[in-house]
Amino acid sequence: MSGLMSNTPEDFSDDELLDLLSDDQLIELDQSIADMFGAEGLDRPEALVVLARVYTMRAAERDEASALALLQLAAAMRRRAERLKPRQ
């Protein structure tokens, strides 16, 4: 993966976006998502995927640093949604 200077945040995959964070940051982000949306009953796969789409769309309207943060949040939401899906 090349540096942020040659790519815009939108060019990164979810895995690449999350790889930019430390393990501690990932854990904290996951817990923050659970805390923030759990109280409202939105810590469910379907709701997290929809919210991630909203954050992804909003990222396009922001400066690069803000867009990166929003896209990382959206990626973490999609990852959490996958983990919360019932196993079949």
PDB file of N, CA and C in Angstrom:
ATOM      1  N   MET A   1       0.853  -1.174   0.000  1.00  0.00           N
ATOM      2  CA  MET A   1       0.000   0.000   0.000  1.00  0.00           C
ATOM      3  C   MET A   1       0.895   1.231   0.000  1.00  0.00           C
ATOM      4  N   SER A   2       0.577   2.146  -0.888  1.00  0.00           N
ATOM      5  CA  SER A   2       1.354   3.377  -0.911  1.00  0.00           C
ATOM      6  C   SER A   2       0.772   4.358   0.095  1.00  0.00           C
ATOM      7  N   GLY A   3       1.467   5.442   0.333  1.00  0.00           N
ATOM      8  CA  GLY A   3       1.087   6.380   1.378  1.00  0.00           C
ATOM      9  C   GLY A   3      -0.148   7.187   1.038  1.00  0.00           C
ATOM     10  N   LEU A   4      -0.623   7.918   2.008  1.00  0.00           N
ATOM     11  CA  LEU A   4      -1.815   8.734   1.838  1.00  0.00           C
ATOM     12  C   LEU A   4      -1.626   9.833   0.807  1.00  0.00           C
ATOM     13  N   MET A   5      -0.394  10.240   0.546  1.00  0.00           N
ATOM     14  CA  MET A   5      -0.152  11.344  -0.373  1.00  0.00           C
ATOM     15  C   MET A   5      -0.582  11.007  -1.801  1.00  0.00           C
ATOM     16  N   SER A   6      -0.453   9.757  -2.232  1.00  0.00           N
ATOM     17  CA  SER A   6      -0.792   9.402  -3.600  1.00  0.00           C
ATOM     18  C   SER A   6      -2.210   8.850  -3.724  1.00  0.00           C
ATOM     19  N   ASN A   7      -2.851   8.564  -2.627  1.00  0.00           N
ATOM     20  CA  ASN A   7      -4.212   8.041  -2.636  1.00  0.00           C
ATOM     21  C   ASN A   7      -5.120   8.947  -1.814  1.00  0.00           C
ATOM     22  N   THR A   8      -6.380   9.003  -2.214  1.00  0.00           N
ATOM     23  CA  THR A   8      -7.357   9.672  -1.375  1.00  0.00           C
ATOM     24  C   THR A   8      -7.949   8.620  -0.448  1.00  0.00           C
ATOM     25  N   PRO A   9      -8.538   9.031   0.659  1.00  0.00           N
ATOM     26  CA  PRO A   9      -9.111   8.048   1.585  1.00  0.00           C
ATOM     27  C   PRO A   9     -10.115   7.112   0.914  1.00  0.00           C
ATOM     28  N   GLU A  10     -10.845   7.611  -0.070  1.00  0.00           N
ATOM     29  CA  GLU A  10     -11.839   6.791  -0.760  1.00  0.00           C
ATOM     30  C   GLU A  10     -11.210   5.648  -1.556  1.00  0.00           C
ATOM     31  N   ASP A  11      -9.901   5.741  -1.829  1.00  0.00           N
ATOM     32  CA  ASP A  11      -9.215   4.700  -2.599  1.00  0.00           C
ATOM     33  C   ASP A  11      -8.905   3.450  -1.777  1.00  0.00           C
ATOM     34  N   PHE A  12      -9.001   3.555  -0.464  1.00  0.00           N
ATOM     35  CA  PHE A  12      -8.621   2.440   0.413  1.00  0.00           C
ATOM     36  C   PHE A  12      -9.773   1.475   0.641  1.00  0.00           C
ATOM     37  N   SER A  13      -9.431   0.206   0.758  1.00  0.00           N
ATOM     38  CA  SER A  13     -10.425  -0.806   1.124  1.00  0.00           C
ATOM     39  C   SER A  13     -10.672  -0.714   2.634  1.00  0.00           C
ATOM     40  N   ASP A  14     -11.718  -1.372   3.100  1.00  0.00           N
ATOM     41  CA  ASP A  14     -11.978  -1.398   4.542  1.00  0.00           C
ATOM     42  C   ASP A  14     -10.772  -1.933   5.302  1.00  0.00           C
ATOM     43  N   ASP A  15     -10.183  -3.011   4.805  1.00  0.00           N
ATOM     44  CA  ASP A  15      -9.024  -3.601   5.487  1.00  0.00           C
ATOM     45  C   ASP A  15      -7.866  -2.612   5.557  1.00  0.00           C
ATOM     46  N   GLU A  16      -7.621  -1.904   4.459  1.00  0.00           N
ATOM     47  CA  GLU A  16      -6.534  -0.916   4.452  1.00  0.00           C
ATOM     48  C   GLU A  16      -6.824   0.239   5.411  1.00  0.00           C
ATOM     49  N   LEU A  17      -8.069   0.680   5.446  1.00  0.00           N
ATOM     50  CA  LEU A  17      -8.442   1.753   6.374  1.00  0.00           C
ATOM     51  C   LEU A  17      -8.227   1.322   7.823  1.00  0.00           C
ATOM     52  N   LEU A  18      -8.635   0.102   8.144  1.00  0.00           N
ATOM     53  CA  LEU A  18      -8.511  -0.383   9.517  1.00  0.00           C
ATOM     54  C   LEU A  18      -7.067  -0.716   9.872  1.00  0.00           C
ATOM     55  N   ASP A  19      -6.275  -1.089   8.868  1.00  0.00           N
ATOM     56  CA  ASP A  19      -4.851  -1.364   9.108  1.00  0.00           C
ATOM     57  C   ASP A  19      -4.084  -0.113   9.523  1.00  0.00           C
ATOM     58  N   LEU A  20      -4.629   1.054   9.240  1.00  0.00           N
ATOM     59  CA  LEU A  20      -3.989   2.311   9.634  1.00  0.00           C
ATOM     60  C   LEU A  20      -4.126   2.572  11.136  1.00  0.00           C
ATOM     61  N   LEU A  21      -4.985   1.802  11.792  1.00  0.00           N
ATOM     62  CA  LEU A  21      -5.213   1.960  13.228  1.00  0.00           C
ATOM     63  C   LEU A  21      -4.468   0.884  14.008  1.00  0.00           C
ATOM     64  N   SER A  22      -4.074   1.213  15.230  1.00  0.00           N
ATOM     65  CA  SER A  22      -3.437   0.217  16.093  1.00  0.00           C
ATOM     66  C   SER A  22      -4.499  -0.736  16.638  1.00  0.00           C
ATOM     67  N   ASP A  23      -4.066  -1.863  17.181  1.00  0.00           N
ATOM     68  CA  ASP A  23      -5.004  -2.808  17.776  1.00  0.00           C
ATOM     69  C   ASP A  23      -5.814  -2.148  18.887  1.00  0.00           C
ATOM     70  N   ASP A  24      -5.160  -1.341  19.713  1.00  0.00           N
ATOM     71  CA  ASP A  24      -5.865  -0.645  20.791  1.00  0.00           C
ATOM     72  C   ASP A  24      -6.907   0.321  20.236  1.00  0.00           C
ATOM     73  N   GLN A  25      -6.568   1.020  19.161  1.00  0.00           N
ATOM     74  CA  GLN A  25      -7.523   1.944  18.547  1.00  0.00           C
ATOM     75  C   GLN A  25      -8.720   1.196  17.973  1.00  0.00           C
ATOM     76  N   LEU A  26      -8.464   0.033  17.370  1.00  0.00           N
ATOM     77  CA  LEU A  26      -9.553  -0.775  16.823  1.00  0.00           C
ATOM     78  C   LEU A  26     -10.496  -1.250  17.925  1.00  0.00           C
ATOM     79  N   ILE A  27      -9.929  -1.693  19.025  1.00  0.00           N
ATOM     80  CA  ILE A  27     -10.740  -2.147  20.158  1.00  0.00           C
ATOM     81  C   ILE A  27     -11.572  -0.993  20.706  1.00  0.00           C
ATOM     82  N   GLU A  28     -10.937   0.159  20.867  1.00  0.00           N
ATOM     83  CA  GLU A  28     -11.635   1.337  21.383  1.00  0.00           C
ATOM     84  C   GLU A  28     -12.744   1.785  20.432  1.00  0.00           C
ATOM     85  N   LEU A  29     -12.473   1.751  19.137  1.00  0.00           N
ATOM     86  CA  LEU A  29     -13.466   2.139  18.147  1.00  0.00           C
ATOM     87  C   LEU A  29     -14.653   1.184  18.172  1.00  0.00           C
ATOM     88  N   ASP A  30     -14.387  -0.101  18.229  1.00  0.00           N
ATOM     89  CA  ASP A  30     -15.454  -1.098  18.287  1.00  0.00           C
ATOM     90  C   ASP A  30     -16.314  -0.889  19.531  1.00  0.00           C
ATOM     91  N   GLN A  31     -15.677  -0.652  20.672  1.00  0.00           N
ATOM     92  CA  GLN A  31     -16.413  -0.423  21.911  1.00  0.00           C
ATOM     93  C   GLN A  31     -17.224   0.871  21.839  1.00  0.00           C
ATOM     94  N   SER A  32     -16.652   1.887  21.225  1.00  0.00           N
ATOM     95  CA  SER A  32     -17.368   3.158  21.077  1.00  0.00           C
ATOM     96  C   SER A  32     -18.620   2.984  20.211  1.00  0.00           C
ATOM     97  N   ILE A  33     -18.499   2.204  19.146  1.00  0.00           N
ATOM     98  CA  ILE A  33     -19.654   1.933  18.289  1.00  0.00           C
ATOM     99  C   ILE A  33     -20.729   1.203  19.090  1.00  0.00           C
ATOM    100  N   ALA A  34     -20.328   0.196  19.848  1.00  0.00           N
ATOM    101  CA  ALA A  34     -21.285  -0.554  20.668  1.00  0.00           C
ATOM    102  C   ALA A  34     -21.964   0.354  21.680  1.00  0.00           C
ATOM    103  N   ASP A  35     -21.188   1.203  22.338  1.00  0.00           N
ATOM    104  CA  ASP A  35     -21.745   2.118  23.343  1.00  0.00           C
ATOM    105  C   ASP A  35     -22.664   3.157  22.710  1.00  0.00           C
ATOM    106  N   MET A  36     -22.204   3.737  21.612  1.00  0.00           N
ATOM    107  CA  MET A  36     -22.927   4.835  20.977  1.00  0.00           C
ATOM    108  C   MET A  36     -24.263   4.363  20.396  1.00  0.00           C
ATOM    109  N   PHE A  37     -24.278   3.214  19.763  1.00  0.00           N
ATOM    110  CA  PHE A  37     -25.474   2.770  19.066  1.00  0.00           C
ATOM    111  C   PHE A  37     -26.268   1.720  19.823  1.00  0.00           C
ATOM    112  N   GLY A  38     -25.664   1.074  20.810  1.00  0.00           N
ATOM    113  CA  GLY A  38     -26.361   0.065  21.594  1.00  0.00           C
ATOM    114  C   GLY A  38     -27.506   0.647  22.399  1.00  0.00           C
ATOM    115  N   ALA A  39     -27.298   1.809  22.985  1.00  0.00           N
ATOM    116  CA  ALA A  39     -28.331   2.444  23.813  1.00  0.00           C
ATOM    117  C   ALA A  39     -29.569   2.782  22.987  1.00  0.00           C
ATOM    118  N   GLU A  40     -29.384   3.014  21.699  1.00  0.00           N
ATOM    119  CA  GLU A  40     -30.502   3.357  20.815  1.00  0.00           C
ATOM    120  C   GLU A  40     -31.052   2.128  20.086  1.00  0.00           C
ATOM    121  N   GLY A  41     -30.522   0.962  20.396  1.00  0.00           N
ATOM    122  CA  GLY A  41     -30.975  -0.253  19.740  1.00  0.00           C
ATOM    123  C   GLY A  41     -30.469  -0.408  18.321  1.00  0.00           C
ATOM    124  N   LEU A  42     -29.431   0.333  17.974  1.00  0.00           N
ATOM    125  CA  LEU A  42     -28.914   0.297  16.600  1.00  0.00           C
ATOM    126  C   LEU A  42     -27.662  -0.565  16.446  1.00  0.00           C
ATOM    127  N   ASP A  43     -27.239  -1.230  17.500  1.00  0.00           N
ATOM    128  CA  ASP A  43     -26.049  -2.086  17.413  1.00  0.00           C
ATOM    129  C   ASP A  43     -26.462  -3.455  16.882  1.00  0.00           C
ATOM    130  N   ARG A  44     -27.024  -3.426  15.655  1.00  0.00           N
ATOM    131  CA  ARG A  44     -27.461  -4.625  14.957  1.00  0.00           C
ATOM    132  C   ARG A  44     -26.866  -4.584  13.551  1.00  0.00           C
ATOM    133  N   PRO A  45     -26.625  -5.730  12.945  1.00  0.00           N
ATOM    134  CA  PRO A  45     -25.981  -5.737  11.624  1.00  0.00           C
ATOM    135  C   PRO A  45     -26.655  -4.837  10.590  1.00  0.00           C
ATOM    136  N   GLU A  46     -27.983  -4.925  10.469  1.00  0.00           N
ATOM    137  CA  GLU A  46     -28.687  -4.153   9.440  1.00  0.00           C
ATOM    138  C   GLU A  46     -28.508  -2.657   9.670  1.00  0.00           C
ATOM    139  N   ALA A  47     -28.674  -2.223  10.895  1.00  0.00           N
ATOM    140  CA  ALA A  47     -28.566  -0.800  11.215  1.00  0.00           C
ATOM    141  C   ALA A  47     -27.139  -0.299  11.011  1.00  0.00           C
ATOM    142  N   LEU A  48     -26.155  -1.089  11.406  1.00  0.00           N
ATOM    143  CA  LEU A  48     -24.764  -0.663  11.260  1.00  0.00           C
ATOM    144  C   LEU A  48     -24.368  -0.522   9.794  1.00  0.00           C
ATOM    145  N   VAL A  49     -24.860  -1.407   8.946  1.00  0.00           N
ATOM    146  CA  VAL A  49     -24.550  -1.320   7.516  1.00  0.00           C
ATOM    147  C   VAL A  49     -25.144  -0.044   6.923  1.00  0.00           C
ATOM    148  N   VAL A  50     -26.366   0.285   7.300  1.00  0.00           N
ATOM    149  CA  VAL A  50     -27.007   1.507   6.802  1.00  0.00           C
ATOM    150  C   VAL A  50     -26.251   2.734   7.307  1.00  0.00           C
ATOM    151  N   LEU A  51     -25.915   2.757   8.584  1.00  0.00           N
ATOM    152  CA  LEU A  51     -25.166   3.877   9.143  1.00  0.00           C
ATOM    153  C   LEU A  51     -23.798   4.012   8.469  1.00  0.00           C
ATOM    154  N   ALA A  52     -23.156   2.896   8.184  1.00  0.00           N
ATOM    155  CA  ALA A  52     -21.852   2.931   7.505  1.00  0.00           C
ATOM    156  C   ALA A  52     -21.981   3.573   6.125  1.00  0.00           C
ATOM    157  N   ARG A  53     -23.098   3.290   5.425  1.00  0.00           N
ATOM    158  CA  ARG A  53     -23.323   3.908   4.112  1.00  0.00           C
ATOM    159  C   ARG A  53     -23.448   5.423   4.243  1.00  0.00           C
ATOM    160  N   VAL A  54     -24.146   5.867   5.277  1.00  0.00           N
ATOM    161  CA  VAL A  54     -24.318   7.305   5.497  1.00  0.00           C
ATOM    162  C   VAL A  54     -22.962   7.956   5.765  1.00  0.00           C
ATOM    163  N   TYR A  55     -22.156   7.361   6.630  1.00  0.00           N
ATOM    164  CA  TYR A  55     -20.842   7.918   6.926  1.00  0.00           C
ATOM    165  C   TYR A  55     -19.949   7.921   5.687  1.00  0.00           C
ATOM    166  N   THR A  56     -20.062   6.908   4.851  1.00  0.00           N
ATOM    167  CA  THR A  56     -19.270   6.842   3.620  1.00  0.00           C
ATOM    168  C   THR A  56     -19.670   7.975   2.673  1.00  0.00           C
ATOM    169  N   MET A  57     -20.969   8.220   2.551  1.00  0.00           N
ATOM    170  CA  MET A  57     -21.426   9.318   1.691  1.00  0.00           C
ATOM    171  C   MET A  57     -20.980  10.667   2.251  1.00  0.00           C
ATOM    172  N   ARG A  58     -21.048  10.833   3.541  1.00  0.00           N
ATOM    173  CA  ARG A  58     -20.644  12.094   4.180  1.00  0.00           C
ATOM    174  C   ARG A  58     -19.141  12.343   4.019  1.00  0.00           C
ATOM    175  N   ALA A  59     -18.365  11.295   3.939  1.00  0.00           N
ATOM    176  CA  ALA A  59     -16.914  11.443   3.805  1.00  0.00           C
ATOM    177  C   ALA A  59     -16.544  12.210   2.544  1.00  0.00           C
ATOM    178  N   ALA A  60     -17.321  12.032   1.497  1.00  0.00           N
ATOM    179  CA  ALA A  60     -17.031  12.714   0.230  1.00  0.00           C
ATOM    180  C   ALA A  60     -17.154  14.231   0.352  1.00  0.00           C
ATOM    181  N   GLU A  61     -17.855  14.694   1.371  1.00  0.00           N
ATOM    182  CA  GLU A  61     -18.077  16.125   1.563  1.00  0.00           C
ATOM    183  C   GLU A  61     -17.038  16.768   2.478  1.00  0.00           C
ATOM    184  N   ARG A  62     -16.085  15.989   2.955  1.00  0.00           N
ATOM    185  CA  ARG A  62     -15.143  16.463   3.977  1.00  0.00           C
ATOM    186  C   ARG A  62     -13.732  16.615   3.430  1.00  0.00           C
ATOM    187  N   ASP A  63     -12.900  17.295   4.228  1.00  0.00           N
ATOM    188  CA  ASP A  63     -11.480  17.373   3.898  1.00  0.00           C
ATOM    189  C   ASP A  63     -10.876  15.979   4.073  1.00  0.00           C
ATOM    190  N   GLU A  64      -9.681  15.779   3.582  1.00  0.00           N
ATOM    191  CA  GLU A  64      -9.076  14.445   3.550  1.00  0.00           C
ATOM    192  C   GLU A  64      -8.954  13.805   4.935  1.00  0.00           C
ATOM    193  N   ALA A  65      -8.528  14.567   5.926  1.00  0.00           N
ATOM    194  CA  ALA A  65      -8.367  13.998   7.275  1.00  0.00           C
ATOM    195  C   ALA A  65      -9.713  13.594   7.860  1.00  0.00           C
ATOM    196  N   SER A  66     -10.713  14.438   7.696  1.00  0.00           N
ATOM    197  CA  SER A  66     -12.049  14.110   8.201  1.00  0.00           C
ATOM    198  C   SER A  66     -12.644  12.938   7.428  1.00  0.00           C
ATOM    199  N   ALA A  67     -12.428  12.917   6.126  1.00  0.00           N
ATOM    200  CA  ALA A  67     -12.924  11.819   5.302  1.00  0.00           C
ATOM    201  C   ALA A  67     -12.305  10.496   5.742  1.00  0.00           C
ATOM    202  N   LEU A  68     -11.011  10.517   6.012  1.00  0.00           N
ATOM    203  CA  LEU A  68     -10.328   9.303   6.467  1.00  0.00           C
ATOM    204  C   LEU A  68     -10.958   8.795   7.755  1.00  0.00           C
ATOM    205  N   ALA A  69     -11.209   9.684   8.709  1.00  0.00           N
ATOM    206  CA  ALA A  69     -11.806   9.282   9.980  1.00  0.00           C
ATOM    207  C   ALA A  69     -13.215   8.715   9.772  1.00  0.00           C
ATOM    208  N   LEU A  70     -14.007   9.364   8.931  1.00  0.00           N
ATOM    209  CA  LEU A  70     -15.356   8.867   8.670  1.00  0.00           C
ATOM    210  C   LEU A  70     -15.334   7.510   7.974  1.00  0.00           C
ATOM    211  N   LEU A  71     -14.423   7.351   7.025  1.00  0.00           N
ATOM    212  CA  LEU A  71     -14.323   6.076   6.317  1.00  0.00           C
ATOM    213  C   LEU A  71     -13.827   4.965   7.233  1.00  0.00           C
ATOM    214  N   GLN A  72     -12.937   5.289   8.162  1.00  0.00           N
ATOM    215  CA  GLN A  72     -12.490   4.289   9.135  1.00  0.00           C
ATOM    216  C   GLN A  72     -13.647   3.889  10.044  1.00  0.00           C
ATOM    217  N   LEU A  73     -14.451   4.853  10.461  1.00  0.00           N
ATOM    218  CA  LEU A  73     -15.618   4.548  11.282  1.00  0.00           C
ATOM    219  C   LEU A  73     -16.594   3.661  10.509  1.00  0.00           C
ATOM    220  N   ALA A  74     -16.839   3.993   9.257  1.00  0.00           N
ATOM    221  CA  ALA A  74     -17.736   3.185   8.430  1.00  0.00           C
ATOM    222  C   ALA A  74     -17.198   1.769   8.254  1.00  0.00           C
ATOM    223  N   ALA A  75     -15.896   1.643   8.028  1.00  0.00           N
ATOM    224  CA  ALA A  75     -15.281   0.318   7.878  1.00  0.00           C
ATOM    225  C   ALA A  75     -15.420  -0.494   9.167  1.00  0.00           C
ATOM    226  N   ALA A  76     -15.214   0.165  10.294  1.00  0.00           N
ATOM    227  CA  ALA A  76     -15.349  -0.517  11.584  1.00  0.00           C
ATOM    228  C   ALA A  76     -16.798  -0.938  11.820  1.00  0.00           C
ATOM    229  N   MET A  77     -17.740  -0.131  11.385  1.00  0.00           N
ATOM    230  CA  MET A  77     -19.160  -0.492  11.515  1.00  0.00           C
ATOM    231  C   MET A  77     -19.489  -1.715  10.669  1.00  0.00           C
ATOM    232  N   ARG A  78     -18.978  -1.743   9.437  1.00  0.00           N
ATOM    233  CA  ARG A  78     -19.230  -2.912   8.583  1.00  0.00           C
ATOM    234  C   ARG A  78     -18.588  -4.162   9.176  1.00  0.00           C
ATOM    235  N   ARG A  79     -17.389  -4.011   9.726  1.00  0.00           N
ATOM    236  CA  ARG A  79     -16.720  -5.158  10.355  1.00  0.00           C
ATOM    237  C   ARG A  79     -17.537  -5.646  11.552  1.00  0.00           C
ATOM    238  N   ARG A  80     -18.014  -4.709  12.380  1.00  0.00           N
ATOM    239  CA  ARG A  80     -18.824  -5.081  13.540  1.00  0.00           C
ATOM    240  C   ARG A  80     -20.123  -5.757  13.095  1.00  0.00           C
ATOM    241  N   ALA A  81     -20.744  -5.243  12.039  1.00  0.00           N
ATOM    242  CA  ALA A  81     -21.967  -5.840  11.524  1.00  0.00           C
ATOM    243  C   ALA A  81     -21.733  -7.295  11.123  1.00  0.00           C
ATOM    244  N   GLU A  82     -20.610  -7.558  10.467  1.00  0.00           N
ATOM    245  CA  GLU A  82     -20.276  -8.927  10.082  1.00  0.00           C
ATOM    246  C   GLU A  82     -20.119  -9.822  11.309  1.00  0.00           C
ATOM    247  N   ARG A  83     -19.487  -9.302  12.328  1.00  0.00           N
ATOM    248  CA  ARG A  83     -19.269 -10.080  13.551  1.00  0.00           C
ATOM    249  C   ARG A  83     -20.562 -10.332  14.314  1.00  0.00           C
ATOM    250  N   LEU A  84     -21.525  -9.436  14.188  1.00  0.00           N
ATOM    251  CA  LEU A  84     -22.792  -9.582  14.903  1.00  0.00           C
ATOM    252  C   LEU A  84     -23.799 -10.452  14.180  1.00  0.00           C
ATOM    253  N   LYS A  85     -23.565 -10.711  12.895  1.00  0.00           N
ATOM    254  CA  LYS A  85     -24.500 -11.547  12.142  1.00  0.00           C
ATOM    255  C   LYS A  85     -24.536 -12.933  12.758  1.00  0.00           C
ATOM    256  N   PRO A  86     -25.753 -13.494  12.864  1.00  0.00           N
ATOM    257  CA  PRO A  86     -25.854 -14.848  13.408  1.00  0.00           C
ATOM    258  C   PRO A  86     -25.143 -15.860  12.508  1.00  0.00           C
ATOM    259  N   ARG A  87     -24.488 -16.787  13.131  1.00  0.00           N
ATOM    260  CA  ARG A  87     -23.793 -17.850  12.374  1.00  0.00           C
ATOM    261  C   ARG A  87     -24.825 -18.869  11.909  1.00  0.00           C
ATOM    262  N   GLN A  88     -24.660 -19.320  10.675  1.00  0.00           N
ATOM    263  CA  GLN A  88     -25.625 -20.284  10.141  1.00  0.00           C
ATOM    264  C   GLN A  88     -25.029 -21.659  10.053  1.00  0.00           C
TER     265      GLN A  88
END
